[in-house]
N, C-alpha and C. Protein backbone atom coordinates (compact mmCIF):
# COMPACT_ATOMS: atom_id res chain seq x y z
N MET A 1 -15.36 -18.48 7.68
CA MET A 1 -13.91 -17.48 7.46
C MET A 1 -12.99 -16.76 7.82
N ALA A 2 -12.50 -15.92 6.80
CA ALA A 2 -11.12 -15.18 6.86
C ALA A 2 -9.79 -15.85 7.32
N THR A 3 -9.77 -16.10 8.81
CA THR A 3 -9.27 -16.52 9.95
C THR A 3 -8.79 -17.64 9.93
N ALA A 4 -9.64 -19.02 9.13
CA ALA A 4 -9.03 -20.09 8.93
C ALA A 4 -7.90 -20.33 8.97
N PRO A 5 -8.09 -20.21 6.70
CA PRO A 5 -6.58 -20.06 6.06
C PRO A 5 -5.43 -20.21 6.45
N LEU A 6 -5.57 -18.77 7.36
CA LEU A 6 -4.81 -19.02 8.10
C LEU A 6 -4.12 -18.88 8.75
N ALA A 7 -5.05 -19.80 9.94
CA ALA A 7 -5.14 -20.64 11.34
C ALA A 7 -4.20 -21.93 10.62
N LEU A 8 -4.54 -22.00 9.69
CA LEU A 8 -5.03 -23.75 9.11
C LEU A 8 -2.59 -23.36 8.50
N ALA A 9 -2.92 -22.33 7.73
CA ALA A 9 -1.16 -22.15 7.34
C ALA A 9 -0.42 -22.38 7.87
N LEU A 10 -0.75 -20.89 9.55
CA LEU A 10 0.22 -20.87 10.35
C LEU A 10 0.65 -22.29 11.32
N ALA A 11 -1.05 -23.19 11.54
CA ALA A 11 -0.65 -24.67 12.32
C ALA A 11 0.81 -25.34 11.42
N ALA A 12 0.43 -25.38 9.88
CA ALA A 12 0.99 -26.31 8.67
C ALA A 12 2.38 -25.94 9.45
N CYS A 13 3.32 -24.29 9.90
CA CYS A 13 4.45 -23.54 9.31
C CYS A 13 5.22 -23.97 10.90
N SER A 14 4.02 -24.19 11.69
CA SER A 14 4.48 -24.55 13.15
C SER A 14 4.81 -25.61 13.54
N GLY A 15 5.01 -26.87 13.02
CA GLY A 15 4.45 -28.19 13.20
C GLY A 15 3.17 -28.45 13.56
N GLY A 16 2.52 -28.65 14.25
CA GLY A 16 1.17 -28.81 14.68
C GLY A 16 1.25 -30.54 15.55
N GLY A 17 2.83 -30.65 15.74
CA GLY A 17 2.40 -32.49 16.23
C GLY A 17 1.82 -33.08 14.92
N GLU A 18 1.49 -34.69 15.40
CA GLU A 18 2.14 -35.97 14.62
C GLU A 18 0.84 -35.92 13.65
N ASP A 19 -0.53 -35.25 13.51
CA ASP A 19 -1.36 -35.57 12.23
C ASP A 19 -0.68 -34.08 11.51
N ALA A 20 -0.67 -32.70 11.58
CA ALA A 20 0.08 -31.82 11.24
C ALA A 20 0.59 -32.29 9.26
N ALA A 21 -0.20 -31.36 8.09
CA ALA A 21 0.61 -31.52 7.25
C ALA A 21 2.26 -31.39 7.01
N PRO A 22 2.33 -32.12 6.28
CA PRO A 22 3.78 -31.04 6.04
C PRO A 22 4.04 -30.05 6.08
N ALA A 23 5.13 -28.76 6.66
CA ALA A 23 5.33 -27.33 6.27
C ALA A 23 6.12 -27.15 4.94
N PRO A 24 4.82 -26.27 4.45
CA PRO A 24 5.32 -25.48 3.60
C PRO A 24 6.57 -24.88 3.50
N GLU A 25 7.21 -24.85 1.88
CA GLU A 25 8.94 -24.07 2.05
C GLU A 25 8.23 -23.03 2.71
N ASN A 26 7.20 -21.74 2.43
CA ASN A 26 7.14 -20.90 3.12
C ASN A 26 5.85 -20.43 3.21
N LEU A 27 5.45 -19.66 4.53
CA LEU A 27 4.49 -19.63 4.78
C LEU A 27 3.66 -18.60 4.15
N LEU A 28 3.68 -18.15 3.45
CA LEU A 28 3.16 -17.25 1.93
C LEU A 28 2.13 -18.68 0.48
N GLU A 29 3.43 -19.58 0.60
CA GLU A 29 2.89 -20.54 0.51
C GLU A 29 1.41 -21.27 0.29
N SER A 30 1.32 -21.40 1.68
CA SER A 30 0.26 -21.96 2.36
C SER A 30 -0.90 -21.55 2.15
N LEU A 31 -0.96 -20.06 1.63
CA LEU A 31 -2.35 -19.06 1.65
C LEU A 31 -3.00 -19.61 0.93
N GLY A 32 -2.19 -19.99 -0.19
CA GLY A 32 -3.17 -20.31 -1.06
C GLY A 32 -4.08 -18.75 -1.86
N ASP A 33 -5.17 -19.17 -2.30
CA ASP A 33 -5.99 -17.84 -2.67
C ASP A 33 -6.56 -17.12 -1.43
N VAL A 34 -6.46 -16.79 -0.21
CA VAL A 34 -6.52 -16.01 0.48
C VAL A 34 -5.91 -14.36 0.10
N ASP A 35 -6.77 -13.59 0.50
CA ASP A 35 -7.37 -12.59 -0.07
C ASP A 35 -6.47 -11.47 1.53
N LEU A 36 -5.55 -11.44 0.95
CA LEU A 36 -4.34 -10.02 1.88
C LEU A 36 -4.83 -8.71 1.88
N ASN A 37 -6.06 -9.30 1.18
CA ASN A 37 -6.65 -7.20 1.43
C ASN A 37 -8.34 -7.54 1.74
N ASP A 38 -8.86 -8.74 2.87
CA ASP A 38 -9.64 -9.12 3.30
C ASP A 38 -9.73 -8.67 5.13
N PRO A 39 -10.63 -7.31 4.83
CA PRO A 39 -10.20 -6.49 6.35
C PRO A 39 -10.55 -7.49 7.66
N ASP A 40 -11.32 -8.79 7.61
CA ASP A 40 -11.47 -9.63 8.74
C ASP A 40 -10.28 -10.21 8.80
N LEU A 41 -8.94 -10.04 7.80
CA LEU A 41 -7.45 -11.40 8.28
C LEU A 41 -6.65 -10.51 9.32
N VAL A 42 -6.58 -11.49 10.37
CA VAL A 42 -5.20 -10.96 10.90
C VAL A 42 -3.88 -11.57 10.57
N ILE A 43 -3.35 -10.31 9.82
CA ILE A 43 -1.69 -10.77 9.34
C ILE A 43 -0.97 -9.96 10.71
N THR A 44 -0.27 -11.58 11.12
CA THR A 44 0.68 -12.25 11.72
C THR A 44 2.21 -11.42 11.72
N ASP A 45 2.80 -11.07 13.12
CA ASP A 45 4.04 -10.51 12.04
C ASP A 45 4.62 -11.69 11.29
N GLU A 46 4.95 -12.57 11.63
CA GLU A 46 5.36 -13.63 11.12
C GLU A 46 4.87 -13.72 9.78
N LEU A 47 3.99 -13.40 8.92
CA LEU A 47 2.88 -13.52 7.94
C LEU A 47 4.06 -11.91 7.35
N ARG A 48 3.81 -11.17 8.33
CA ARG A 48 3.68 -10.53 7.05
C ARG A 48 5.41 -10.16 6.39
N ALA A 49 6.00 -11.09 7.68
CA ALA A 49 7.31 -11.17 7.20
C ALA A 49 7.69 -11.54 6.32
N SER A 50 7.14 -12.31 6.10
CA SER A 50 7.54 -12.97 4.95
C SER A 50 6.60 -12.75 3.49
N LEU A 51 6.09 -12.01 3.66
CA LEU A 51 5.61 -10.81 2.23
C LEU A 51 7.05 -10.38 0.99
N PRO A 52 6.88 -10.73 0.00
CA PRO A 52 7.08 -9.67 -0.78
C PRO A 52 7.49 -8.09 -0.63
N ASP A 53 8.36 -7.76 -0.13
CA ASP A 53 7.74 -6.18 -0.24
C ASP A 53 7.42 -5.95 -2.18
N ARG A 54 7.45 -6.35 -3.27
CA ARG A 54 6.80 -6.03 -4.15
C ARG A 54 5.15 -6.80 -3.64
N LEU A 55 4.75 -7.50 -2.80
CA LEU A 55 3.17 -8.00 -2.96
C LEU A 55 2.91 -6.73 -1.56
N VAL A 56 3.37 -6.57 -1.18
CA VAL A 56 3.22 -6.01 -0.08
C VAL A 56 2.51 -4.41 -0.96
N SER A 57 3.43 -3.79 -1.21
CA SER A 57 3.00 -2.36 -2.11
C SER A 57 1.75 -2.46 -3.30
N GLU A 58 1.35 -3.94 -3.87
CA GLU A 58 0.11 -4.52 -5.05
C GLU A 58 -0.70 -4.28 -4.25
N LYS A 59 -0.59 -4.68 -2.57
CA LYS A 59 -1.73 -4.79 -2.05
C LYS A 59 -2.17 -3.40 -2.22
N PHE A 60 -1.07 -2.09 -0.87
CA PHE A 60 -1.49 -1.67 -0.81
C PHE A 60 -2.21 -0.34 -2.00
N ILE A 61 -1.65 -0.45 -3.19
CA ILE A 61 -1.91 0.51 -4.28
C ILE A 61 -3.16 -0.28 -4.92
N GLU A 62 -3.80 -1.54 -4.29
CA GLU A 62 -5.09 -1.99 -5.01
C GLU A 62 -5.89 -1.12 -3.79
N ILE A 63 -6.33 -1.45 -2.89
CA ILE A 63 -6.83 -0.70 -2.11
C ILE A 63 -7.10 1.42 -1.98
N PHE A 64 -5.38 1.89 -1.90
CA PHE A 64 -5.51 2.71 -1.22
C PHE A 64 -5.98 3.66 -2.96
N TYR A 65 -4.86 3.52 -4.24
CA TYR A 65 -5.13 3.88 -5.52
C TYR A 65 -6.43 3.47 -6.24
N ASP A 66 -6.65 2.19 -6.42
CA ASP A 66 -7.57 1.87 -7.54
C ASP A 66 -8.84 1.80 -6.54
N ARG A 67 -9.15 0.94 -5.53
CA ARG A 67 -10.14 0.86 -4.71
C ARG A 67 -10.88 1.91 -4.33
N ASN A 68 -9.44 2.97 -3.88
CA ASN A 68 -9.65 4.78 -3.57
C ASN A 68 -9.93 4.87 -2.07
N ASP A 69 -9.66 3.75 -1.48
CA ASP A 69 -10.18 3.79 -0.56
C ASP A 69 -9.13 3.83 0.74
N LEU A 70 -8.05 5.04 0.95
CA LEU A 70 -7.64 5.38 1.58
C LEU A 70 -6.97 5.08 3.08
N VAL A 71 -8.17 5.07 4.25
CA VAL A 71 -8.46 4.88 5.26
C VAL A 71 -7.68 3.39 5.53
N ALA A 72 -8.08 2.46 4.69
CA ALA A 72 -7.98 1.15 4.54
C ALA A 72 -6.87 0.65 4.20
N GLY A 73 -6.33 1.86 3.58
CA GLY A 73 -4.84 1.09 2.87
C GLY A 73 -4.49 1.46 3.68
N PHE A 74 -4.35 2.36 4.39
CA PHE A 74 -3.60 2.84 5.75
C PHE A 74 -3.22 2.17 6.02
N GLU A 75 -5.08 1.53 7.20
CA GLU A 75 -4.68 0.59 8.45
C GLU A 75 -4.23 -0.84 7.60
N ARG A 76 -4.57 -1.19 6.93
CA ARG A 76 -3.99 -2.37 6.74
C ARG A 76 -2.05 -2.72 6.40
N TRP A 77 -1.19 -1.61 5.73
CA TRP A 77 -0.38 -2.05 5.07
C TRP A 77 0.98 -0.51 5.26
N VAL A 78 0.26 0.10 6.44
CA VAL A 78 0.89 1.19 7.06
C VAL A 78 1.63 0.95 8.23
N HIS A 79 3.11 1.06 8.39
CA HIS A 79 2.81 1.06 9.60
C HIS A 79 3.28 1.57 10.67
N PRO A 80 2.81 1.71 11.96
CA PRO A 80 2.02 2.58 12.67
C PRO A 80 3.24 4.15 13.32
N ASP A 81 4.94 3.50 12.77
CA ASP A 81 5.62 4.47 13.48
C ASP A 81 6.25 5.08 11.84
N TYR A 82 5.07 4.99 10.84
CA TYR A 82 5.07 5.89 9.54
C TYR A 82 6.05 7.01 9.83
N ILE A 83 7.00 7.27 8.64
CA ILE A 83 7.98 8.67 8.29
C ILE A 83 6.67 9.63 8.24
N GLN A 84 6.83 10.38 7.49
CA GLN A 84 6.10 10.97 6.30
C GLN A 84 6.88 12.19 6.61
N HIS A 85 7.70 12.71 4.93
CA HIS A 85 7.92 13.67 4.68
C HIS A 85 8.05 15.14 4.00
N ASP A 86 6.15 14.97 3.48
CA ASP A 86 6.27 16.08 3.13
C ASP A 86 5.68 16.60 4.21
N PRO A 87 6.04 17.97 4.04
CA PRO A 87 6.42 18.54 5.45
C PRO A 87 4.60 19.30 5.70
N ASN A 88 3.46 19.60 4.08
CA ASN A 88 2.51 20.02 4.58
C ASN A 88 1.40 18.17 5.33
N SER A 89 2.38 17.63 5.70
CA SER A 89 1.01 16.28 6.19
C SER A 89 1.58 15.64 7.71
N PRO A 90 1.40 15.43 8.32
CA PRO A 90 1.50 14.71 9.98
C PRO A 90 2.67 13.48 9.48
N THR A 91 3.51 13.06 10.92
CA THR A 91 4.10 11.36 10.61
C THR A 91 3.37 10.81 11.46
N GLY A 92 3.59 10.03 10.86
CA GLY A 92 2.76 8.55 11.81
C GLY A 92 1.31 8.14 11.06
N ARG A 93 0.86 6.52 11.16
CA ARG A 93 0.29 6.31 10.38
C ARG A 93 -1.52 6.89 11.25
N ASP A 94 -1.50 7.18 12.02
CA ASP A 94 -3.44 7.11 12.45
C ASP A 94 -3.34 8.61 12.36
N ALA A 95 -1.48 9.36 12.68
CA ALA A 95 -2.41 11.13 12.51
C ALA A 95 -2.47 10.85 10.99
N THR A 96 -2.11 10.92 10.29
CA THR A 96 -1.88 10.39 8.79
C THR A 96 -3.46 9.72 8.10
N ILE A 97 -4.00 8.99 8.82
CA ILE A 97 -5.28 8.19 8.60
C ILE A 97 -6.65 9.50 8.52
N ALA A 98 -6.21 10.12 10.26
CA ALA A 98 -7.24 11.33 10.46
C ALA A 98 -6.79 12.45 9.68
N VAL A 99 -6.54 12.23 8.92
CA VAL A 99 -5.96 13.50 7.68
C VAL A 99 -6.71 13.00 6.38
N LEU A 100 -5.98 12.04 5.95
CA LEU A 100 -6.90 11.55 5.09
C LEU A 100 -8.23 10.68 5.14
N ALA A 101 -9.43 10.45 6.50
CA ALA A 101 -10.47 10.76 6.13
C ALA A 101 -11.01 12.29 5.74
N ALA A 102 -10.89 13.10 6.54
CA ALA A 102 -11.23 14.12 6.36
C ALA A 102 -11.36 14.32 4.65
N HIS A 103 -9.37 14.23 3.92
CA HIS A 103 -9.97 15.09 2.46
C HIS A 103 -10.86 14.22 1.79
N MET A 104 -11.08 12.66 2.21
CA MET A 104 -12.12 11.78 1.65
C MET A 104 -13.46 12.56 1.92
N GLU A 105 -13.73 12.71 3.23
CA GLU A 105 -14.63 12.97 2.76
C GLU A 105 -15.33 15.05 2.75
N ARG A 106 -13.87 15.88 2.46
CA ARG A 106 -14.47 16.67 1.05
C ARG A 106 -14.52 17.01 0.17
N ASN A 107 -13.67 14.92 -0.17
CA ASN A 107 -13.08 14.96 -1.90
C ASN A 107 -14.27 13.50 -1.91
N PRO A 108 -15.56 13.51 -2.34
CA PRO A 108 -16.00 12.06 -2.17
C PRO A 108 -15.66 11.29 -4.05
N GLN A 109 -15.93 12.72 -4.80
CA GLN A 109 -15.04 11.88 -6.06
C GLN A 109 -13.92 11.96 -6.62
N MET A 110 -12.63 12.39 -5.19
CA MET A 110 -11.50 11.83 -6.21
C MET A 110 -11.10 10.40 -6.33
N THR A 111 -10.37 10.63 -7.65
CA THR A 111 -9.78 9.34 -7.96
C THR A 111 -8.03 9.61 -8.30
N HIS A 112 -7.49 8.62 -8.24
CA HIS A 112 -6.74 8.47 -8.33
C HIS A 112 -5.77 7.10 -9.79
N ASP A 113 -6.06 7.57 -10.73
CA ASP A 113 -5.31 6.96 -11.45
C ASP A 113 -4.04 6.29 -12.39
N VAL A 114 -3.47 5.20 -11.82
CA VAL A 114 -2.26 4.87 -11.47
C VAL A 114 -1.34 4.74 -13.31
N LYS A 115 -0.37 5.88 -13.28
CA LYS A 115 -0.44 5.45 -14.87
C LYS A 115 1.35 4.65 -15.09
N ARG A 116 1.88 4.62 -13.75
CA ARG A 116 2.86 3.60 -13.65
C ARG A 116 4.02 3.31 -12.65
N VAL A 117 4.07 2.42 -12.08
CA VAL A 117 4.74 1.66 -10.88
C VAL A 117 5.94 1.72 -10.93
N ILE A 118 7.03 1.95 -10.22
CA ILE A 118 8.23 1.37 -10.46
C ILE A 118 9.27 0.86 -9.43
N TYR A 119 9.73 -0.21 -9.41
CA TYR A 119 10.09 -1.23 -8.26
C TYR A 119 11.52 -0.68 -7.87
N GLY A 120 12.03 -0.59 -6.70
CA GLY A 120 13.60 -0.66 -6.90
C GLY A 120 14.29 -0.42 -5.92
N GLU A 121 15.30 0.00 -5.34
CA GLU A 121 16.18 -0.23 -4.38
C GLU A 121 16.85 1.79 -3.89
N ASP A 122 17.19 2.13 -2.83
CA ASP A 122 18.49 2.96 -2.24
C ASP A 122 19.18 2.72 -2.79
N ASP A 123 19.79 3.18 -2.55
CA ASP A 123 21.35 3.06 -2.02
C ASP A 123 21.83 2.14 -1.09
N GLN A 124 21.00 2.45 -0.13
CA GLN A 124 21.63 1.38 1.38
C GLN A 124 20.39 0.00 0.98
N GLY A 125 20.25 -0.14 -0.38
CA GLY A 125 19.68 -1.20 -0.23
C GLY A 125 17.76 -1.79 0.31
N ARG A 126 17.57 -1.10 0.40
CA ARG A 126 16.17 -0.74 0.85
C ARG A 126 15.77 -0.39 -0.01
N THR A 127 13.82 -1.53 0.65
CA THR A 127 12.88 -1.81 -1.20
C THR A 127 12.26 0.30 -1.03
N LEU A 128 12.06 -0.27 -2.83
CA LEU A 128 11.23 1.58 -2.30
C LEU A 128 10.61 1.10 -3.82
N VAL A 129 9.05 1.69 -4.11
CA VAL A 129 7.61 1.99 -5.13
C VAL A 129 7.64 3.14 -4.78
N ALA A 130 7.78 3.58 -6.38
CA ALA A 130 7.60 5.19 -6.37
C ALA A 130 5.61 4.75 -7.68
N VAL A 131 5.17 5.04 -7.28
CA VAL A 131 3.43 5.24 -7.87
C VAL A 131 3.65 6.78 -8.13
N HIS A 132 3.39 6.55 -10.32
CA HIS A 132 3.03 7.96 -10.55
C HIS A 132 1.74 7.63 -10.91
N TYR A 133 0.97 8.81 -10.20
CA TYR A 133 -1.04 8.33 -10.91
C TYR A 133 -1.19 10.94 -10.74
N HIS A 134 -1.93 10.48 -11.86
CA HIS A 134 -3.29 11.51 -11.70
C HIS A 134 -4.50 11.67 -11.03
N PHE A 135 -3.75 12.98 -9.93
CA PHE A 135 -4.68 12.68 -9.21
C PHE A 135 -5.54 13.88 -9.61
N LYS A 136 -7.00 13.59 -9.27
CA LYS A 136 -8.04 14.68 -9.46
C LYS A 136 -9.09 14.37 -8.20
N ARG A 137 -9.45 15.53 -7.67
CA ARG A 137 -10.83 15.63 -6.20
C ARG A 137 -12.05 15.78 -7.22
N ALA A 138 -11.51 16.28 -8.41
CA ALA A 138 -13.42 16.40 -9.23
C ALA A 138 -13.34 15.18 -10.12
N PRO A 139 -14.15 15.12 -11.38
CA PRO A 139 -13.95 14.56 -12.44
C PRO A 139 -13.94 15.32 -13.28
N ASP A 140 -14.18 16.95 -12.72
CA ASP A 140 -14.07 18.26 -13.78
C ASP A 140 -12.54 18.79 -13.59
N ASP A 141 -11.80 18.64 -12.36
CA ASP A 141 -10.78 19.12 -12.03
C ASP A 141 -9.61 18.84 -13.16
N ARG A 142 -7.95 19.48 -13.06
CA ARG A 142 -7.65 19.52 -14.27
C ARG A 142 -6.60 18.38 -13.26
N GLY A 143 -6.72 18.84 -12.38
CA GLY A 143 -5.79 17.33 -10.69
C GLY A 143 -4.12 17.66 -11.07
N SER A 144 -3.95 17.11 -11.15
CA SER A 144 -1.77 16.83 -10.33
C SER A 144 -1.39 16.08 -11.11
N ALA A 145 -0.15 16.21 -11.37
CA ALA A 145 0.73 15.36 -11.67
C ALA A 145 1.59 14.63 -10.33
N VAL A 146 1.67 13.20 -9.78
CA VAL A 146 2.20 12.38 -8.47
C VAL A 146 2.90 11.89 -8.80
N VAL A 147 4.05 11.66 -7.75
CA VAL A 147 4.53 10.45 -7.51
C VAL A 147 4.55 10.16 -5.97
N ASP A 148 4.10 9.23 -5.82
CA ASP A 148 4.09 8.74 -4.40
C ASP A 148 5.87 7.54 -3.99
N ILE A 149 6.70 8.22 -2.95
CA ILE A 149 7.75 7.18 -2.77
C ILE A 149 7.68 6.08 -1.83
N TYR A 150 7.33 5.77 -1.43
CA TYR A 150 7.65 4.37 0.01
C TYR A 150 8.67 3.89 -0.28
N ARG A 151 9.04 3.21 1.12
CA ARG A 151 10.18 2.16 1.39
C ARG A 151 9.02 1.43 2.30
N ILE A 152 9.89 -0.14 2.14
CA ILE A 152 9.18 -1.18 2.29
C ILE A 152 9.67 -1.68 3.38
N GLU A 153 9.45 -2.43 4.58
CA GLU A 153 9.92 -2.72 5.28
C GLU A 153 9.15 -3.80 5.61
N ASN A 154 9.49 -4.98 6.49
CA ASN A 154 8.63 -6.41 7.24
C ASN A 154 7.21 -6.10 7.01
N GLY A 155 7.09 -6.08 5.67
CA GLY A 155 5.42 -5.82 5.20
C GLY A 155 5.20 -5.24 5.45
N TYR A 156 5.54 -3.50 5.73
CA TYR A 156 4.75 -2.59 6.08
C TYR A 156 5.55 -1.45 4.88
N LEU A 157 4.71 -0.66 4.88
CA LEU A 157 5.19 1.01 4.11
C LEU A 157 5.72 1.81 5.47
N VAL A 158 6.47 1.73 5.40
CA VAL A 158 7.48 2.80 6.64
C VAL A 158 7.59 3.88 6.82
N GLU A 159 7.53 4.67 5.27
CA GLU A 159 8.82 5.66 4.66
C GLU A 159 8.23 6.23 3.51
N HIS A 160 7.86 7.96 3.59
CA HIS A 160 6.88 8.51 1.91
C HIS A 160 7.52 9.73 1.91
N TRP A 161 7.75 9.74 0.75
CA TRP A 161 7.73 10.83 0.32
C TRP A 161 7.30 11.12 -1.42
N ASP A 162 6.64 12.51 -1.33
CA ASP A 162 6.21 12.65 -2.98
C ASP A 162 6.35 14.28 -3.30
N VAL A 163 5.81 14.07 -4.56
CA VAL A 163 6.49 15.17 -5.94
C VAL A 163 5.25 15.49 -6.11
N ILE A 164 4.49 16.71 -6.69
CA ILE A 164 3.01 17.14 -6.99
C ILE A 164 3.19 18.05 -7.41
N GLN A 165 2.39 17.83 -9.02
CA GLN A 165 2.84 19.00 -10.24
C GLN A 165 1.38 19.30 -10.84
N PRO A 166 0.85 20.74 -10.16
CA PRO A 166 -0.50 20.55 -11.26
C PRO A 166 -0.48 20.67 -12.84
N VAL A 167 -1.48 19.50 -13.23
CA VAL A 167 -1.55 19.92 -14.23
C VAL A 167 -1.54 21.52 -15.23
N PRO A 168 -1.21 22.15 -16.34
CA PRO A 168 -1.49 23.06 -16.90
C PRO A 168 -3.25 23.87 -17.75
N GLU A 169 -3.19 24.24 -17.58
CA GLU A 169 -4.32 24.18 -19.07
C GLU A 169 -3.01 24.24 -20.36
N THR A 170 -2.12 24.71 -20.06
CA THR A 170 -1.75 24.97 -21.75
C THR A 170 -0.38 24.19 -21.90
N ALA A 171 0.81 23.79 -22.08
CA ALA A 171 2.40 23.84 -22.46
C ALA A 171 3.00 24.18 -23.35
N ARG A 172 4.46 24.22 -23.54
CA ARG A 172 5.04 23.76 -24.29
C ARG A 172 5.23 22.98 -24.99
N ASN A 173 4.74 22.02 -24.71
CA ASN A 173 5.12 20.77 -25.55
C ASN A 173 4.44 20.05 -25.71
N ASP A 174 4.02 18.68 -26.47
CA ASP A 174 2.89 18.31 -26.76
C ASP A 174 2.97 16.98 -26.04
N ASN A 175 4.11 17.19 -25.35
CA ASN A 175 3.93 15.98 -24.04
C ASN A 175 2.77 15.58 -23.40
N THR A 176 1.95 14.60 -22.74
CA THR A 176 1.95 14.51 -21.09
C THR A 176 2.37 14.68 -20.46
N MET A 177 1.63 14.76 -18.96
CA MET A 177 2.94 14.79 -17.32
C MET A 177 2.88 13.45 -18.09
N PHE A 178 1.77 12.28 -18.26
CA PHE A 178 1.47 11.17 -17.69
C PHE A 178 2.30 10.49 -19.52
């Protein structure tokens, strides 16, 4: 079961008595090959706080964009008090999940072809990740060039901005949008 390695890691970090293994340098190191995207794995606040922001974003990208499982990505990696800046979308994780579930049902063949991921900080030192991708609702759709920007804090995606541009039929230059 997925929770066994996590339980062992937590016991090791908390001291666990005379027979306990020495505490690892950090909780994350003690997890070894535990799959952080395993839906049966319970991620504690202590573990979440020890996860590097880049790892959090990579795990979210794996589920949301690569596996195209929008709801699972939000359930696992987005904070309940998620702040949404897109005026066409609700704020809050649960409200967004409801919209995403309906979107997935209407567009079962949609794809998110990630072209680049950029990591950085804003002027207040907060961690940001930008995901530039080609979104298509169906295989024959021209789609849109999209940049999602997320702020990450304490092991969660907590805030989101986006920029969306439809892919035109013709362009004034030979450069692609990607």
